[in-house]
Amino acid sequence: MASINDPTNPSGNLIAGDQVAGTAVYDTKGERLGSVDDVMIDKVSGRIAYAILSFGGFLGIGDKHHPLPWSTLRYDTGLGGYVVDLDRAMLEGSPAYADDEAVAWEDPAWGRRVHDYYRAEPYWNAVP
């Protein structure tokens, strides 16, 4: 049994970063879209910028990685995962990259394109 001081304890409002990876992501109908592969954190502000969603492959082969602005996810305790207000078709057309592709994380135009696609306020505009 995990103690209350254990960062892997799933109760409460905080979660350890390594516990986010692997968490399921669902659409608003409760259908599983994929799972969080990783999170990207802004080193200066400490804000979580993106949840990287693995989606589209079969048994982990051919998955594309979709950076979802963190603000688009809502944790649902009943599902035990994150819920996003988008469907498979929208996700299939979203900005994504494969394992062997370079990602322009530091390119402001790339970041704006991701946030514009999801109609999300960029994390760098968030008030601390």
Protein backbone atom coordinates (compact mmCIF):
# COMPACT_ATOMS: atom_id res chain seq x y z
CA MET A 1 0.00 0.00 0.00
CA ALA A 2 1.41 3.39 -1.05
CA SER A 3 1.91 5.90 1.73
CA ILE A 4 0.52 9.41 1.47
CA ASN A 5 4.11 10.68 1.07
CA ASP A 6 4.83 8.33 -1.84
CA PRO A 7 4.87 10.26 -5.18
CA THR A 8 3.43 7.18 -6.91
CA ASN A 9 0.33 7.27 -4.69
CA PRO A 10 -2.56 7.93 -7.13
CA SER A 11 -4.72 9.77 -4.60
CA GLY A 12 -4.81 13.53 -4.34
CA ASN A 13 -4.26 16.24 -6.93
CA LEU A 14 -0.56 15.72 -7.66
CA ILE A 15 1.05 13.01 -9.75
CA ALA A 16 4.69 12.13 -10.36
CA GLY A 17 5.83 12.72 -13.94
CA ASP A 18 6.77 9.11 -14.47
CA GLN A 19 3.23 8.13 -13.46
CA VAL A 20 1.70 10.28 -16.24
CA ALA A 21 3.41 8.23 -18.94
CA GLY A 22 1.17 5.34 -19.90
CA THR A 23 -2.02 7.00 -18.67
CA ALA A 24 -4.92 6.49 -21.05
CA VAL A 25 -6.43 9.38 -23.01
CA TYR A 26 -10.13 9.27 -23.90
CA ASP A 27 -12.48 11.35 -26.01
CA THR A 28 -15.58 12.90 -24.43
CA LYS A 29 -17.60 9.76 -25.26
CA GLY A 30 -15.24 7.68 -23.12
CA GLU A 31 -13.56 5.97 -26.08
CA ARG A 32 -9.85 5.41 -25.66
CA LEU A 33 -7.72 7.39 -28.13
CA GLY A 34 -4.28 6.35 -26.95
CA SER A 35 -1.97 6.96 -24.03
CA VAL A 36 0.40 9.61 -22.77
CA ASP A 37 3.89 8.73 -23.95
CA ASP A 38 5.65 11.60 -22.20
CA VAL A 39 5.24 15.19 -21.06
CA MET A 40 7.20 18.25 -22.12
CA ILE A 41 7.96 20.78 -19.37
CA ASP A 42 9.10 24.35 -19.90
CA LYS A 43 12.45 24.49 -18.10
CA VAL A 44 12.15 28.16 -17.15
CA SER A 45 8.52 28.47 -16.01
CA GLY A 46 8.08 24.88 -14.82
CA ARG A 47 4.76 24.65 -16.67
CA ILE A 48 3.79 21.45 -18.41
CA ALA A 49 3.58 22.44 -22.06
CA TYR A 50 2.48 19.26 -23.80
CA ALA A 51 1.30 15.74 -23.18
CA ILE A 52 2.71 13.56 -25.94
CA LEU A 53 -0.05 11.21 -27.04
CA SER A 54 0.85 7.95 -28.77
CA PHE A 55 -1.79 7.17 -31.33
CA GLY A 56 -2.31 5.48 -34.66
CA GLY A 57 -0.10 2.42 -34.60
CA PHE A 58 -0.76 -1.22 -33.95
CA LEU A 59 0.75 -2.77 -30.82
CA GLY A 60 3.11 0.19 -30.54
CA ILE A 61 4.39 -0.15 -34.11
CA GLY A 62 3.87 2.86 -36.35
CA ASP A 63 2.53 5.09 -33.60
CA LYS A 64 2.60 8.77 -34.29
CA HIS A 65 3.26 11.15 -31.43
CA HIS A 66 0.78 13.99 -31.06
CA PRO A 67 1.75 16.88 -28.79
CA LEU A 68 -1.43 17.97 -27.03
CA PRO A 69 -1.35 21.29 -25.20
CA TRP A 70 -1.56 20.33 -21.54
CA SER A 71 -4.48 22.72 -21.08
CA THR A 72 -6.63 20.54 -23.37
CA LEU A 73 -6.52 17.58 -20.98
CA ARG A 74 -8.81 17.03 -18.01
CA TYR A 75 -8.28 14.17 -15.59
CA ASP A 76 -11.33 11.96 -15.04
CA THR A 77 -11.12 9.93 -11.84
CA GLY A 78 -13.90 7.59 -13.00
CA LEU A 79 -12.00 6.65 -16.15
CA GLY A 80 -8.61 6.79 -14.46
CA GLY A 81 -7.26 8.78 -17.40
CA TYR A 82 -7.29 12.07 -19.24
CA VAL A 83 -10.18 13.29 -21.38
CA VAL A 84 -9.79 15.56 -24.40
CA ASP A 85 -12.54 17.25 -26.38
CA LEU A 86 -11.58 15.87 -29.78
CA ASP A 87 -12.34 12.82 -31.84
CA ARG A 88 -10.20 10.40 -33.84
CA ALA A 89 -10.66 12.34 -37.08
CA MET A 90 -9.40 15.55 -35.50
CA LEU A 91 -6.51 13.70 -33.90
CA GLU A 92 -5.57 12.04 -37.20
CA GLY A 93 -5.22 15.49 -38.81
CA SER A 94 -3.31 17.04 -35.93
CA PRO A 95 0.37 18.01 -35.84
CA ALA A 96 2.35 14.83 -35.19
CA TYR A 97 5.75 13.25 -35.60
CA ALA A 98 7.23 9.77 -35.91
CA ASP A 99 10.06 8.34 -33.80
CA ASP A 100 12.61 9.08 -36.51
CA GLU A 101 11.51 12.69 -37.13
CA ALA A 102 13.08 15.76 -35.56
CA VAL A 103 10.71 18.08 -33.72
CA ALA A 104 11.13 21.86 -33.72
CA TRP A 105 10.24 22.31 -30.04
CA GLU A 106 11.98 25.69 -29.86
CA ASP A 107 10.36 27.08 -33.04
CA PRO A 108 7.62 29.56 -32.01
CA ALA A 109 5.78 29.05 -35.31
CA TRP A 110 5.61 25.29 -34.70
CA GLY A 111 4.30 25.83 -31.16
CA ARG A 112 1.67 28.30 -32.39
CA ARG A 113 0.57 25.81 -35.07
CA VAL A 114 0.01 23.12 -32.42
CA HIS A 115 -1.89 25.45 -30.10
CA ASP A 116 -3.92 26.98 -32.96
CA TYR A 117 -4.92 23.51 -34.16
CA TYR A 118 -6.43 22.69 -30.78
CA ARG A 119 -7.69 26.25 -30.21
CA ALA A 120 -5.72 26.33 -26.97
CA GLU A 121 -4.04 29.26 -25.30
CA PRO A 122 -0.26 28.79 -25.62
CA TYR A 123 1.37 27.77 -22.36
CA TRP A 124 3.85 30.66 -22.71
CA ASN A 125 0.94 33.14 -22.48
CA ALA A 126 -0.36 31.67 -19.21
CA VAL A 127 -0.19 33.96 -16.23
CA PRO A 128 2.08 32.47 -13.54
